């Protein structure tokens, strides 16, 4: 107990320096945890993907479409329970800066295949009964102040012109990671409008969503689907929903890699901050440590004092950093809820962030300990602080 008391007194011998060191550690731990949370949020959609759904798209790229007629063929594949489809629209509201995810879907069963998009029955029925009906997520409703019954006009990017929709439903996410910032409308409205513009236009969709009976058979079903369309004019690639979403994440791989590198550099910053403090402390206490050895303190006492002080400061900085991380992450979550649903540090992030601070505490004490143990008492007593 006396050693612990001495450790705490040593740590606060220079209060301003200790305060600044703890604050620096806390800010670094917070930044590290926040970056790791951003990375986790980037992968949240893929991690939350349903294991009993597959996605069938064009074998070359998702920018190429598939014939709607494929739906009947897909339903014949053993293990496939239901098939729906969707098509990227790429429109925006009023100004290009008001961009959000929007696509046309099979109104007959899309919400049945994707039950995590929870929509009241009467709103779902209204969506199915009106060609220009649209369903939006709660996040979009909050962002633009839209409500059921409002008329919304999107300006087409891929599909030119002004497109009028009537909001007939607002869905909420069943899971925390469910994106509530999506604008969904009926594919048949898109298809029929495009036929009026291009007489040669034929029914095509961007991808098919397949609900399967057994997730364990996903690989077999995927192979069976793709073999069915081998050597056709539009060959397919079928993959799990997680793999499909990961393909979009890979487009941002350079950004994610950059964030990872920055997070590791922050660990280096933590190490330098605490190592500098401990080096200054060790330099100031050379003669003091020598005197303690002359009155009976052993090497393991000195090791305990130096290591204890380093860990004490590291733990304080880590704990304060975790507190700041919780506070800042809650503010960021509100600001970025449109883009990162479910943005929040998980237990792994907390453990990793705090553990990094503790490890740094150990490493920062290595050189001061080595110097204190190796130095001869006579030489140390000659040092003037």
Foldseek 3Di string as FASTA:
>chain_A
DVLLVLLVCLLCVPVVLLVVLLQLLLVLLLLLLQLVLVLCLLLLVLVPADLQKKKKFFPPDLVDWAAPVCLVVLCPQPFFDHKWFKAWWFWAAPDPVRDFGEIAIALPCPCVLVVQFDKDPVLSVVQSPDQQEKEAFPVQCVVVVDDQQDWGWIATDVDHDIRIHGYSIYTYGNDQQDARGYMYHHPVSVQVVVCVVPVPDHHIGSMMMTGGDDSVCQVVSQVVSQVVCPPHPGGMGMDGPSVVSVVVSVVCVVVSVVSVVVSVVSLVVSLVSLLVVLVVSLLQCLLVLLVVVVVPDDLVSVLCSSLSSLQVSLQSSLVSSVVVNQVVQVVVCVVCCNPRRPSDRDPVSSCVSSVSSNVSSNVSSVVSSVVNNPDDSVVSNVDDD
